[in-house]
Amino acid sequence: LKMEVAKRRFRFVPFQDKSVKGALEQQRRVTDTENNIWKAVVCLIMTVAIGVEMQIGLVVASFNCEPFYVWLFEMCLVVSLLMAGGWSMYQYVKPQLNKVQLTEKQQQLLGVQKEAAGFATSRVPPAPPSWEASPMLQSSLSPQQVIAPESRRLIHQSGGQYCTPTHLSSDWDYMHDDLPISDLPYTTTYHSATRSPSSPEQQVNIWAELNIRKDVLEVWTENCRKWIGQSVLQPLTKEIDHINAKLISMGYEQYRIGQVGLNTLQHIATSEAATVPTLGLVLPYLEVSSKQDYLCQRIKELGGDSCLSKFKWNGGAVMHGRSWNIDLPTDSQIVMHALSCYLDANLVPLPLSSEKKFSQVHFLKTPARPSDKRGDICIYQSSVNPPHFKVLVDKEVTNIPKGHNNLFHAVIYFLYQVQQKNSGMLGSVNINLSSVNILWIISDSK
């Protein structure tokens, strides 16, 4: 039931571009027919061998059979082999006879090499595809967020920022389920977090007002890293690997997550929903950046252990010999976006409820202002580079000390306020009793 609810919440509009659909089918057809030439050769060799036997009459001489019946049987074999060989040859040359016309941009987007078998370069751009938002998507978009069909851009909402998932805009772009919750062990290998370099007085004041000791805050910070690593990033990494393995088995090796843009993955998620049902559930996690190759690799690195030991709050990783730069998402941005998507999928409101998703009510991102918040308690990202998170409680803005632990402390402060002010309730969902159990992070007594 939870899987079905999650699928409905993450419903994607079918891709309407016929040229892209034809290219995917052509690519699959070429892959499936690569062995047809060998089938035709085998059929030809067998036909020649049977023809030689008919001239020599070896079978008749060896078994003293009636020549007419042997000849009739061998003629049937020859006809069958010729038909099979001819059909195999036709399947082999068919993609060359019916080439799919693609523009250079479409070839880059789909990963089709120039002069590839079954494809031809078209100099006339195709008519722009028609993007139609579902009623659920339309209700969550403001008029300023609606983009005209002529722009041929797919809307990706990422906290007020929008991106066009192209395929080769830079060196980073050349590749562009309801996830289960792991049991959270109390003992695990933990990489100690670097203390925030912010003002000690500010840090003391925030937590001292809540009577939270320094040692308790350190335990909660460790718990927060464990919970996000084990409940969000590790299952997400495993699901991405599972989906990629499934795409390879289907002949979509060139269209794996991290290799192509989001619009191509959305088309596959729609057309192959019965075969890869969880792809549509993973796509929201990938909307944080158009640099899909870097994003996918970084998610795997962060989810490589249970406590985010490779986390860099204001940067990222070196990839393909290139250092991290501001065009790439920070680890804080990746982790916060993944957490929001996870809570969107798992904190499902009551049936027939008008409540919105977690990211729409309890998370706000610049350029939005604190006054734009919809919930009484909200995490507010006031800066992207360097990333900085605050917590909005009613009309007050609590400035969390900046630095390495800013994100984790913002989540902790948010959870503490939800527990104290709302008794652990986010709307109609009790985040302590639900399967999410995120209040485990601050479960240790003060």
Foldseek 3Di string as FASTA:
>chain_A
DLQVVLCVLLDFDAWFDVLLVVVVVLLLLQVVLPCLQVLLVVLVVVLVVLVVCLVVVPVCVVPVDDNVVVVVVSVVSNVVSVVSSVVSVCSNCVLVVQAREDAPQSCQQLVNDAPDGSYHYDPDDDDQTDDDDDPSVVVVDDPVQDDDSNVSADFFDQQNDGDRQGQPPDPLRVAWGLFAFDDQDPDDDAQQFDDFPFDPVLQCVVVVVVVQDPVLVSLLLQLLLLRLLRGFLQSLLVLLVVLQVLCVVSSNNCNGFLGHFLVSLSNCCVVVCVSSVCSSLSSQLRSLASSRNQLSVQSCVQNVDRRSNVADQQFGCQDPNRGTDPNDAHSLSSSVSRVQSSQQSFVDDDPPDPDHGCCQAAEHEPVDDPVPHRYQWHWYFDDRRNTAIWIHHRNDIGGATDGRCRSSVRVVVRQVCCCVVVVQDDDRDRCCPGSSNPCVSSPDDD
